[in-house]
Amino acid sequence: MTSTSDLLKKVRKIEIRTKALSHQIFAGEYPSAFKGRGMAFSEVREYQWGDDVRQMDWNVTARMSAPYVKVFEEERELTVVLMVDVSRSGLFGTVQTTKRERLAEIAAVLAFSAIVNGDKVGALLFSDRTEKFIPPGKGRGQLLRIIREILEYEPDGRGTDIGGALRYISGAIKKKCNVFLLSDLLDVDPDGAPNYEEALKVAASRHDITVIRITDPRELSIPDVGLVSVKDAESGRTAWVNTSSPKVRESYRKWAEAASAKSSKLFGSHNIDHTDISIDEDYVRSLIALFRSR
């Protein structure tokens, strides 16, 4: 358990860094990426040259015997919900930080960006169950609460159930919102296929979902360090692995690559924006590229 003073130092450090990033780097990226995704129907009018044909109102067009399009107004206030994986695997880290700490920093950048732009932000912390839901709100207090909870929360569950978390969001929030799934995505079957496809499909039909996968370099390839004992942080199971075996290392590498490819294919099939961020790299470029790709 982290002491209160240490926790406050971590929170303050994250606040200072992410506040600067949100103002200086992401100030222009966030509105262009997410503003306009929440649109409310306003009226119909006659088609004009250059209008998007995808906005045609075919019922009115047929009734009036002339082309008409739907007109939408941008909703001034959007809602951002951070779906944060707090399962035990997030405590893993082979560089200067853990996946949970890096995840908290990225979540803070997103929350700051939302708050600076006048939007509400909330959070759902999950493991193999729904751990804690922080309803959307505004202000610095809301932001600091989210950061503290991500860093310090002690989950009751050990595993990861992304499908359950997505189903919770689908049921708890009726109005369309921007949902960021922040996770290592270690919720797969033995072949590496995601276990949450159906829940993701339903959630994506209701909300604008973006996936940010946090990884550690040692999860993608195993170094040659001889015979080692490894422990699954979520199941508690242990096993001896001979990392000196090229066959073992190559087999694991192929599995990790296949699992990543299957996740990417799933997101692509549902037009879900996604990116992978390793804890040993600067996440700023990845986030900017993600924002601009939208």
C-alpha atoms as a PDB file:
ATOM      1  CA  MET A   1       0.000   0.000   0.000  1.00  0.00           C
ATOM      2  CA  THR A   2       1.415   3.373  -0.986  1.00  0.00           C
ATOM      3  CA  SER A   3       1.660   5.940   1.834  1.00  0.00           C
ATOM      4  CA  THR A   4      -0.583   8.994   1.601  1.00  0.00           C
ATOM      5  CA  SER A   5       2.379  11.351   1.117  1.00  0.00           C
ATOM      6  CA  ASP A   6       3.878   9.182  -1.650  1.00  0.00           C
ATOM      7  CA  LEU A   7       0.514   8.953  -3.370  1.00  0.00           C
ATOM      8  CA  LEU A   8       0.028  12.729  -3.248  1.00  0.00           C
ATOM      9  CA  LYS A   9       3.501  13.209  -4.741  1.00  0.00           C
ATOM     10  CA  LYS A  10       2.660  10.821  -7.588  1.00  0.00           C
ATOM     11  CA  VAL A  11      -0.676  12.521  -8.219  1.00  0.00           C
ATOM     12  CA  ARG A  12       0.912  15.977  -8.189  1.00  0.00           C
ATOM     13  CA  LYS A  13       3.709  14.866 -10.543  1.00  0.00           C
ATOM     14  CA  ILE A  14       1.192  13.443 -13.002  1.00  0.00           C
ATOM     15  CA  GLU A  15      -1.001  16.551 -12.713  1.00  0.00           C
ATOM     16  CA  ILE A  16       1.890  18.917 -13.507  1.00  0.00           C
ATOM     17  CA  ARG A  17       3.139  16.920 -16.499  1.00  0.00           C
ATOM     18  CA  THR A  18      -0.248  16.163 -18.017  1.00  0.00           C
ATOM     19  CA  LYS A  19      -1.579  19.677 -17.504  1.00  0.00           C
ATOM     20  CA  ALA A  20       1.304  21.040 -19.567  1.00  0.00           C
ATOM     21  CA  LEU A  21       0.815  18.418 -22.267  1.00  0.00           C
ATOM     22  CA  SER A  22      -2.918  19.020 -22.449  1.00  0.00           C
ATOM     23  CA  HIS A  23      -2.521  22.784 -22.810  1.00  0.00           C
ATOM     24  CA  GLN A  24       0.534  22.914 -25.076  1.00  0.00           C
ATOM     25  CA  ILE A  25       0.360  19.784 -27.229  1.00  0.00           C
ATOM     26  CA  PHE A  26      -3.170  18.417 -27.208  1.00  0.00           C
ATOM     27  CA  ALA A  27      -5.086  21.698 -27.001  1.00  0.00           C
ATOM     28  CA  GLY A  28      -5.729  21.719 -30.738  1.00  0.00           C
ATOM     29  CA  GLU A  29      -5.781  17.961 -31.254  1.00  0.00           C
ATOM     30  CA  TYR A  30      -8.573  17.062 -28.845  1.00  0.00           C
ATOM     31  CA  PRO A  31     -11.309  19.350 -30.228  1.00  0.00           C
ATOM     32  CA  SER A  32     -10.615  18.370 -33.826  1.00  0.00           C
ATOM     33  CA  ALA A  33     -10.599  14.675 -32.919  1.00  0.00           C
ATOM     34  CA  PHE A  34     -13.615  14.487 -30.622  1.00  0.00           C
ATOM     35  CA  LYS A  35     -15.676  17.630 -30.961  1.00  0.00           C
ATOM     36  CA  GLY A  36     -18.265  17.044 -33.607  1.00  0.00           C
ATOM     37  CA  ARG A  37     -18.529  13.328 -32.793  1.00  0.00           C
ATOM     38  CA  GLY A  38     -21.515  14.211 -30.623  1.00  0.00           C
ATOM     39  CA  MET A  39     -24.069  15.643 -33.036  1.00  0.00           C
ATOM     40  CA  ALA A  40     -27.712  16.488 -32.468  1.00  0.00           C
ATOM     41  CA  PHE A  41     -30.309  16.582 -35.282  1.00  0.00           C
ATOM     42  CA  SER A  42     -31.477  20.124 -36.006  1.00  0.00           C
ATOM     43  CA  GLU A  43     -33.514  20.316 -39.230  1.00  0.00           C
ATOM     44  CA  VAL A  44     -33.710  19.351 -42.899  1.00  0.00           C
ATOM     45  CA  ARG A  45     -33.027  21.616 -45.846  1.00  0.00           C
ATOM     46  CA  GLU A  46     -32.726  21.315 -49.602  1.00  0.00           C
ATOM     47  CA  TYR A  47     -29.576  19.685 -50.909  1.00  0.00           C
ATOM     48  CA  GLN A  48     -26.796  22.080 -51.939  1.00  0.00           C
ATOM     49  CA  TRP A  49     -23.783  21.315 -54.074  1.00  0.00           C
ATOM     50  CA  GLY A  50     -21.003  19.917 -51.881  1.00  0.00           C
ATOM     51  CA  ASP A  51     -23.302  18.458 -49.189  1.00  0.00           C
ATOM     52  CA  ASP A  52     -22.442  15.013 -47.848  1.00  0.00           C
ATOM     53  CA  VAL A  53     -24.770  12.560 -49.606  1.00  0.00           C
ATOM     54  CA  ARG A  54     -24.624  10.348 -46.521  1.00  0.00           C
ATOM     55  CA  GLN A  55     -26.795  12.935 -44.762  1.00  0.00           C
ATOM     56  CA  MET A  56     -29.620  12.632 -47.299  1.00  0.00           C
ATOM     57  CA  ASP A  57     -33.061  12.348 -45.749  1.00  0.00           C
ATOM     58  CA  TRP A  58     -34.634   9.922 -48.197  1.00  0.00           C
ATOM     59  CA  ASN A  59     -38.110  10.064 -46.662  1.00  0.00           C
ATOM     60  CA  VAL A  60     -38.345  13.853 -47.082  1.00  0.00           C
ATOM     61  CA  THR A  61     -36.682  13.629 -50.497  1.00  0.00           C
ATOM     62  CA  ALA A  62     -39.344  11.194 -51.706  1.00  0.00           C
ATOM     63  CA  ARG A  63     -42.177  13.256 -50.218  1.00  0.00           C
ATOM     64  CA  MET A  64     -40.980  16.564 -51.674  1.00  0.00           C
ATOM     65  CA  SER A  65     -39.708  15.139 -54.985  1.00  0.00           C
ATOM     66  CA  ALA A  66     -36.481  17.065 -54.407  1.00  0.00           C
ATOM     67  CA  PRO A  67     -33.254  16.172 -52.569  1.00  0.00           C
ATOM     68  CA  TYR A  68     -33.120  17.124 -48.895  1.00  0.00           C
ATOM     69  CA  VAL A  69     -30.350  16.605 -46.323  1.00  0.00           C
ATOM     70  CA  LYS A  70     -30.350  16.395 -42.542  1.00  0.00           C
ATOM     71  CA  VAL A  71     -28.641  19.222 -40.673  1.00  0.00           C
ATOM     72  CA  PHE A  72     -26.867  18.482 -37.407  1.00  0.00           C
ATOM     73  CA  GLU A  73     -25.563  20.771 -34.695  1.00  0.00           C
ATOM     74  CA  GLU A  74     -22.446  19.982 -32.701  1.00  0.00           C
ATOM     75  CA  GLU A  75     -23.240  19.285 -29.095  1.00  0.00           C
ATOM     76  CA  ARG A  76     -21.401  21.878 -27.058  1.00  0.00           C
ATOM     77  CA  GLU A  77     -20.712  19.556 -24.156  1.00  0.00           C
ATOM     78  CA  LEU A  78     -19.486  16.016 -24.639  1.00  0.00           C
ATOM     79  CA  THR A  79     -19.031  13.259 -22.090  1.00  0.00           C
ATOM     80  CA  VAL A  80     -15.788  11.310 -21.839  1.00  0.00           C
ATOM     81  CA  VAL A  81     -15.641   8.026 -19.936  1.00  0.00           C
ATOM     82  CA  LEU A  82     -12.316   6.354 -19.159  1.00  0.00           C
ATOM     83  CA  MET A  83     -12.587   2.581 -18.884  1.00  0.00           C
ATOM     84  CA  VAL A  84      -9.521   1.743 -16.807  1.00  0.00           C
ATOM     85  CA  ASP A  85      -8.163  -1.776 -16.342  1.00  0.00           C
ATOM     86  CA  VAL A  86      -7.006  -2.149 -12.706  1.00  0.00           C
ATOM     87  CA  SER A  87      -6.414  -5.914 -12.823  1.00  0.00           C
ATOM     88  CA  ARG A  88      -3.260  -7.407 -11.264  1.00  0.00           C
ATOM     89  CA  SER A  89      -1.418  -7.592 -14.586  1.00  0.00           C
ATOM     90  CA  GLY A  90      -1.185  -3.797 -14.504  1.00  0.00           C
ATOM     91  CA  LEU A  91       1.296  -4.021 -11.630  1.00  0.00           C
ATOM     92  CA  PHE A  92       3.871  -5.498 -14.021  1.00  0.00           C
ATOM     93  CA  GLY A  93       6.715  -3.318 -15.255  1.00  0.00           C
ATOM     94  CA  THR A  94      10.311  -4.002 -16.274  1.00  0.00           C
ATOM     95  CA  VAL A  95      11.390  -0.371 -16.781  1.00  0.00           C
ATOM     96  CA  GLN A  96      11.026   2.648 -14.504  1.00  0.00           C
ATOM     97  CA  THR A  97       7.250   2.455 -14.269  1.00  0.00           C
ATOM     98  CA  THR A  98       4.439  -0.082 -14.158  1.00  0.00           C
ATOM     99  CA  LYS A  99       1.649  -0.426 -16.690  1.00  0.00           C
ATOM    100  CA  ARG A 100      -0.800   0.915 -14.094  1.00  0.00           C
ATOM    101  CA  GLU A 101       1.252   4.082 -13.535  1.00  0.00           C
ATOM    102  CA  ARG A 102       1.647   4.749 -17.244  1.00  0.00           C
ATOM    103  CA  LEU A 103      -2.032   4.085 -17.767  1.00  0.00           C
ATOM    104  CA  ALA A 104      -2.869   6.626 -15.026  1.00  0.00           C
ATOM    105  CA  GLU A 105      -0.740   9.281 -16.731  1.00  0.00           C
ATOM    106  CA  ILE A 106      -2.374   8.740 -20.121  1.00  0.00           C
ATOM    107  CA  ALA A 107      -5.809   8.779 -18.490  1.00  0.00           C
ATOM    108  CA  ALA A 108      -4.892  12.098 -16.860  1.00  0.00           C
ATOM    109  CA  VAL A 109      -3.920  13.606 -20.230  1.00  0.00           C
ATOM    110  CA  LEU A 110      -7.271  12.584 -21.679  1.00  0.00           C
ATOM    111  CA  ALA A 111      -9.154  13.856 -18.628  1.00  0.00           C
ATOM    112  CA  PHE A 112      -7.319  17.195 -18.661  1.00  0.00           C
ATOM    113  CA  SER A 113      -8.007  17.609 -22.373  1.00  0.00           C
ATOM    114  CA  ALA A 114     -11.702  16.981 -21.793  1.00  0.00           C
ATOM    115  CA  ILE A 115     -11.942  19.351 -18.851  1.00  0.00           C
ATOM    116  CA  VAL A 116     -10.007  22.129 -20.624  1.00  0.00           C
ATOM    117  CA  ASN A 117     -12.530  21.880 -23.462  1.00  0.00           C
ATOM    118  CA  GLY A 118     -15.497  22.105 -21.126  1.00  0.00           C
ATOM    119  CA  ASP A 119     -16.496  18.448 -21.272  1.00  0.00           C
ATOM    120  CA  LYS A 120     -17.460  16.094 -18.480  1.00  0.00           C
ATOM    121  CA  VAL A 121     -15.224  13.139 -17.648  1.00  0.00           C
ATOM    122  CA  GLY A 122     -15.929   9.994 -15.652  1.00  0.00           C
ATOM    123  CA  ALA A 123     -14.210   6.677 -15.080  1.00  0.00           C
ATOM    124  CA  LEU A 124     -15.003   2.999 -14.747  1.00  0.00           C
ATOM    125  CA  LEU A 125     -12.381   0.921 -12.955  1.00  0.00           C
ATOM    126  CA  PHE A 126     -12.623  -2.777 -13.724  1.00  0.00           C
ATOM    127  CA  SER A 127     -10.864  -6.106 -13.264  1.00  0.00           C
ATOM    128  CA  ASP A 128     -12.798  -9.329 -13.706  1.00  0.00           C
ATOM    129  CA  ARG A 129     -15.731  -7.356 -12.335  1.00  0.00           C
ATOM    130  CA  THR A 130     -16.907  -3.741 -12.146  1.00  0.00           C
ATOM    131  CA  GLU A 131     -14.788  -2.295  -9.334  1.00  0.00           C
ATOM    132  CA  LYS A 132     -15.765   1.370  -9.181  1.00  0.00           C
ATOM    133  CA  PHE A 133     -17.746   3.822 -11.292  1.00  0.00           C
ATOM    134  CA  ILE A 134     -17.049   7.546 -11.024  1.00  0.00           C
ATOM    135  CA  PRO A 135     -19.951   9.422 -12.676  1.00  0.00           C
ATOM    136  CA  PRO A 136     -18.952  12.091 -15.230  1.00  0.00           C
ATOM    137  CA  GLY A 137     -18.176  15.480 -13.770  1.00  0.00           C
ATOM    138  CA  LYS A 138     -16.096  18.598 -14.294  1.00  0.00           C
ATOM    139  CA  GLY A 139     -13.245  20.398 -12.572  1.00  0.00           C
ATOM    140  CA  ARG A 140      -9.837  19.760 -11.062  1.00  0.00           C
ATOM    141  CA  GLY A 141     -11.293  17.851  -8.127  1.00  0.00           C
ATOM    142  CA  GLN A 142     -12.858  15.323 -10.497  1.00  0.00           C
ATOM    143  CA  LEU A 143      -9.563  14.932 -12.325  1.00  0.00           C
ATOM    144  CA  LEU A 144      -7.509  14.390  -9.162  1.00  0.00           C
ATOM    145  CA  ARG A 145     -10.023  11.884  -7.847  1.00  0.00           C
ATOM    146  CA  ILE A 146      -9.731   9.831 -11.030  1.00  0.00           C
ATOM    147  CA  ILE A 147      -5.919   9.845 -10.917  1.00  0.00           C
ATOM    148  CA  ARG A 148      -5.852   8.857  -7.234  1.00  0.00           C
ATOM    149  CA  GLU A 149      -8.284   6.013  -7.758  1.00  0.00           C
ATOM    150  CA  ILE A 150      -6.354   4.606 -10.732  1.00  0.00           C
ATOM    151  CA  LEU A 151      -3.043   4.683  -8.855  1.00  0.00           C
ATOM    152  CA  GLU A 152      -4.228   3.469  -5.466  1.00  0.00           C
ATOM    153  CA  TYR A 153      -7.335   1.382  -5.971  1.00  0.00           C
ATOM    154  CA  GLU A 154      -7.048  -2.150  -4.599  1.00  0.00           C
ATOM    155  CA  PRO A 155      -9.312  -4.319  -6.781  1.00  0.00           C
ATOM    156  CA  ASP A 156     -11.371  -7.150  -5.331  1.00  0.00           C
ATOM    157  CA  GLY A 157     -10.903  -9.152  -8.519  1.00  0.00           C
ATOM    158  CA  ARG A 158      -7.634 -10.495  -9.874  1.00  0.00           C
ATOM    159  CA  GLY A 159      -8.431 -11.217 -13.528  1.00  0.00           C
ATOM    160  CA  THR A 160      -9.676  -9.199 -16.498  1.00  0.00           C
ATOM    161  CA  ASP A 161     -13.182  -9.140 -17.965  1.00  0.00           C
ATOM    162  CA  ILE A 162     -13.332  -6.464 -20.651  1.00  0.00           C
ATOM    163  CA  GLY A 163     -16.675  -7.740 -21.924  1.00  0.00           C
ATOM    164  CA  GLY A 164     -18.285  -7.249 -18.524  1.00  0.00           C
ATOM    165  CA  ALA A 165     -16.964  -3.687 -18.310  1.00  0.00           C
ATOM    166  CA  LEU A 166     -18.254  -2.877 -21.802  1.00  0.00           C
ATOM    167  CA  ARG A 167     -21.676  -4.271 -20.932  1.00  0.00           C
ATOM    168  CA  TYR A 168     -21.736  -2.092 -17.812  1.00  0.00           C
ATOM    169  CA  ILE A 169     -20.968   1.042 -19.846  1.00  0.00           C
ATOM    170  CA  SER A 170     -23.607   0.120 -22.425  1.00  0.00           C
ATOM    171  CA  GLY A 171     -26.215  -0.126 -19.698  1.00  0.00           C
ATOM    172  CA  ALA A 172     -25.119   2.682 -17.379  1.00  0.00           C
ATOM    173  CA  ILE A 173     -24.710   5.494 -19.907  1.00  0.00           C
ATOM    174  CA  LYS A 174     -27.573   5.979 -22.335  1.00  0.00           C
ATOM    175  CA  LYS A 175     -26.391   9.148 -24.058  1.00  0.00           C
ATOM    176  CA  LYS A 176     -23.728   8.669 -26.729  1.00  0.00           C
ATOM    177  CA  CYS A 177     -20.291   9.489 -25.309  1.00  0.00           C
ATOM    178  CA  ASN A 178     -16.580   9.132 -26.012  1.00  0.00           C
ATOM    179  CA  VAL A 179     -15.272   5.995 -24.296  1.00  0.00           C
ATOM    180  CA  PHE A 180     -11.554   5.303 -23.917  1.00  0.00           C
ATOM    181  CA  LEU A 181     -10.669   1.696 -23.086  1.00  0.00           C
ATOM    182  CA  LEU A 182      -7.272   1.761 -21.334  1.00  0.00           C
ATOM    183  CA  SER A 183      -5.969  -1.769 -20.805  1.00  0.00           C
ATOM    184  CA  ASP A 184      -3.254  -4.289 -21.599  1.00  0.00           C
ATOM    185  CA  LEU A 185      -6.067  -6.294 -23.263  1.00  0.00           C
ATOM    186  CA  LEU A 186      -4.946  -9.524 -21.580  1.00  0.00           C
ATOM    187  CA  ASP A 187      -8.425 -11.007 -21.862  1.00  0.00           C
ATOM    188  CA  VAL A 188      -7.942 -13.621 -24.572  1.00  0.00           C
ATOM    189  CA  ASP A 189      -8.469 -17.325 -25.156  1.00  0.00           C
ATOM    190  CA  PRO A 190      -5.514 -19.770 -25.394  1.00  0.00           C
ATOM    191  CA  ASP A 191      -5.101 -18.932 -29.083  1.00  0.00           C
ATOM    192  CA  GLY A 192      -4.900 -15.197 -28.374  1.00  0.00           C
ATOM    193  CA  ALA A 193      -8.385 -14.294 -29.663  1.00  0.00           C
ATOM    194  CA  PRO A 194     -10.243 -11.571 -27.679  1.00  0.00           C
ATOM    195  CA  ASN A 195     -12.982 -12.806 -25.329  1.00  0.00           C
ATOM    196  CA  TYR A 196     -15.035  -9.608 -25.585  1.00  0.00           C
ATOM    197  CA  GLU A 197     -16.051  -9.343 -29.246  1.00  0.00           C
ATOM    198  CA  GLU A 198     -19.836  -9.405 -28.789  1.00  0.00           C
ATOM    199  CA  ALA A 199     -19.810  -6.866 -25.932  1.00  0.00           C
ATOM    200  CA  LEU A 200     -17.510  -4.595 -27.950  1.00  0.00           C
ATOM    201  CA  LYS A 201     -19.846  -4.771 -30.942  1.00  0.00           C
ATOM    202  CA  VAL A 202     -22.826  -3.669 -28.822  1.00  0.00           C
ATOM    203  CA  ALA A 203     -20.906  -0.891 -27.042  1.00  0.00           C
ATOM    204  CA  ALA A 204     -19.492   0.442 -30.319  1.00  0.00           C
ATOM    205  CA  SER A 205     -23.027   0.761 -31.715  1.00  0.00           C
ATOM    206  CA  ARG A 206     -23.926   3.068 -28.826  1.00  0.00           C
ATOM    207  CA  HIS A 207     -20.747   4.982 -28.066  1.00  0.00           C
ATOM    208  CA  ASP A 208     -17.631   6.304 -29.787  1.00  0.00           C
ATOM    209  CA  ILE A 209     -14.938   3.917 -28.525  1.00  0.00           C
ATOM    210  CA  THR A 210     -11.165   4.363 -28.670  1.00  0.00           C
ATOM    211  CA  VAL A 211      -8.799   1.641 -27.443  1.00  0.00           C
ATOM    212  CA  ILE A 212      -5.361   2.326 -25.970  1.00  0.00           C
ATOM    213  CA  ARG A 213      -3.380  -0.809 -25.194  1.00  0.00           C
ATOM    214  CA  ILE A 214      -0.553  -0.496 -22.660  1.00  0.00           C
ATOM    215  CA  THR A 215       2.265  -3.015 -23.027  1.00  0.00           C
ATOM    216  CA  ASP A 216       5.609  -3.903 -21.477  1.00  0.00           C
ATOM    217  CA  PRO A 217       8.476  -4.931 -23.805  1.00  0.00           C
ATOM    218  CA  ARG A 218       8.894  -8.219 -21.933  1.00  0.00           C
ATOM    219  CA  GLU A 219       5.311  -9.176 -22.754  1.00  0.00           C
ATOM    220  CA  LEU A 220       6.141  -9.177 -26.454  1.00  0.00           C
ATOM    221  CA  SER A 221       9.432 -11.086 -26.365  1.00  0.00           C
ATOM    222  CA  ILE A 222      11.281 -13.146 -23.761  1.00  0.00           C
ATOM    223  CA  PRO A 223      15.016 -12.525 -23.180  1.00  0.00           C
ATOM    224  CA  ASP A 224      17.500 -15.364 -22.769  1.00  0.00           C
ATOM    225  CA  VAL A 225      18.009 -15.439 -18.983  1.00  0.00           C
ATOM    226  CA  GLY A 226      18.092 -19.183 -18.403  1.00  0.00           C
ATOM    227  CA  LEU A 227      15.644 -21.228 -16.365  1.00  0.00           C
ATOM    228  CA  VAL A 228      13.277 -18.904 -14.495  1.00  0.00           C
ATOM    229  CA  SER A 229      10.171 -19.247 -12.380  1.00  0.00           C
ATOM    230  CA  VAL A 230       7.278 -17.101 -13.592  1.00  0.00           C
ATOM    231  CA  LYS A 231       3.993 -16.290 -11.901  1.00  0.00           C
ATOM    232  CA  ASP A 232       0.700 -15.206 -13.422  1.00  0.00           C
ATOM    233  CA  ALA A 233      -0.279 -12.084 -11.453  1.00  0.00           C
ATOM    234  CA  GLU A 234      -3.977 -12.702 -12.067  1.00  0.00           C
ATOM    235  CA  SER A 235      -4.383 -16.463 -11.593  1.00  0.00           C
ATOM    236  CA  GLY A 236      -1.504 -16.938  -9.165  1.00  0.00           C
ATOM    237  CA  ARG A 237      -0.233 -19.957 -11.104  1.00  0.00           C
ATOM    238  CA  THR A 238       3.531 -20.491 -11.351  1.00  0.00           C
ATOM    239  CA  ALA A 239       5.667 -22.359 -13.864  1.00  0.00           C
ATOM    240  CA  TRP A 240       9.301 -22.878 -14.775  1.00  0.00           C
ATOM    241  CA  VAL A 241      10.291 -21.568 -18.209  1.00  0.00           C
ATOM    242  CA  ASN A 242      13.533 -22.349 -20.008  1.00  0.00           C
ATOM    243  CA  THR A 243      14.187 -19.005 -21.683  1.00  0.00           C
ATOM    244  CA  SER A 244      17.487 -20.314 -23.085  1.00  0.00           C
ATOM    245  CA  SER A 245      15.497 -22.409 -25.549  1.00  0.00           C
ATOM    246  CA  PRO A 246      15.184 -20.609 -28.928  1.00  0.00           C
ATOM    247  CA  LYS A 247      12.066 -22.679 -29.593  1.00  0.00           C
ATOM    248  CA  VAL A 248      10.398 -21.418 -26.404  1.00  0.00           C
ATOM    249  CA  ARG A 249      11.254 -17.782 -27.139  1.00  0.00           C
ATOM    250  CA  GLU A 250      10.130 -18.017 -30.769  1.00  0.00           C
ATOM    251  CA  SER A 251       6.887 -19.766 -29.827  1.00  0.00           C
ATOM    252  CA  TYR A 252       6.050 -17.051 -27.319  1.00  0.00           C
ATOM    253  CA  ARG A 253       6.923 -14.273 -29.763  1.00  0.00           C
ATOM    254  CA  LYS A 254       4.623 -15.746 -32.399  1.00  0.00           C
ATOM    255  CA  TRP A 255       1.791 -16.108 -29.883  1.00  0.00           C
ATOM    256  CA  ALA A 256       2.171 -12.478 -28.732  1.00  0.00           C
ATOM    257  CA  GLU A 257       2.192 -11.208 -32.330  1.00  0.00           C
ATOM    258  CA  ALA A 258      -0.837 -13.317 -33.232  1.00  0.00           C
ATOM    259  CA  ALA A 259      -2.790 -12.069 -30.201  1.00  0.00           C
ATOM    260  CA  SER A 260      -1.991  -8.447 -31.091  1.00  0.00           C
ATOM    261  CA  ALA A 261      -3.015  -9.005 -34.715  1.00  0.00           C
ATOM    262  CA  LYS A 262      -6.325 -10.581 -33.697  1.00  0.00           C
ATOM    263  CA  SER A 263      -7.153  -7.611 -31.468  1.00  0.00           C
ATOM    264  CA  SER A 264      -6.287  -5.141 -34.229  1.00  0.00           C
ATOM    265  CA  LYS A 265      -8.435  -7.073 -36.693  1.00  0.00           C
ATOM    266  CA  LEU A 266     -11.376  -6.986 -34.281  1.00  0.00           C
ATOM    267  CA  PHE A 267     -11.093  -3.225 -33.784  1.00  0.00           C
ATOM    268  CA  GLY A 268     -10.729  -2.655 -37.504  1.00  0.00           C
ATOM    269  CA  SER A 269     -13.866  -4.669 -38.275  1.00  0.00           C
ATOM    270  CA  HIS A 270     -15.895  -2.328 -36.040  1.00  0.00           C
ATOM    271  CA  ASN A 271     -14.127   0.906 -37.121  1.00  0.00           C
ATOM    272  CA  ILE A 272     -12.671   1.430 -33.645  1.00  0.00           C
ATOM    273  CA  ASP A 273      -9.627   3.693 -33.380  1.00  0.00           C
ATOM    274  CA  HIS A 274      -6.807   2.055 -31.441  1.00  0.00           C
ATOM    275  CA  THR A 275      -3.119   2.311 -30.639  1.00  0.00           C
ATOM    276  CA  ASP A 276      -0.467   0.367 -28.710  1.00  0.00           C
ATOM    277  CA  ILE A 277       1.779   2.204 -26.252  1.00  0.00           C
ATOM    278  CA  SER A 278       4.736   0.497 -24.578  1.00  0.00           C
ATOM    279  CA  ILE A 279       5.772   1.742 -21.131  1.00  0.00           C
ATOM    280  CA  ASP A 280       9.369   2.140 -22.350  1.00  0.00           C
ATOM    281  CA  GLU A 281       8.452   4.764 -24.966  1.00  0.00           C
ATOM    282  CA  ASP A 282       7.157   8.333 -24.950  1.00  0.00           C
ATOM    283  CA  TYR A 283       3.396   8.147 -25.372  1.00  0.00           C
ATOM    284  CA  VAL A 284       3.000  11.711 -26.654  1.00  0.00           C
ATOM    285  CA  ARG A 285       3.669  10.864 -30.305  1.00  0.00           C
ATOM    286  CA  SER A 286       1.321   7.887 -30.170  1.00  0.00           C
ATOM    287  CA  LEU A 287      -1.519   9.956 -28.734  1.00  0.00           C
ATOM    288  CA  ILE A 288      -1.040  12.782 -31.230  1.00  0.00           C
ATOM    289  CA  ALA A 289      -1.014  10.272 -34.094  1.00  0.00           C
ATOM    290  CA  LEU A 290      -4.172   8.672 -32.685  1.00  0.00           C
ATOM    291  CA  PHE A 291      -5.942  12.020 -32.386  1.00  0.00           C
ATOM    292  CA  ARG A 292      -4.963  13.075 -35.896  1.00  0.00           C
ATOM    293  CA  SER A 293      -6.029   9.767 -37.412  1.00  0.00           C
ATOM    294  CA  ARG A 294      -9.598  10.506 -36.346  1.00  0.00           C
END
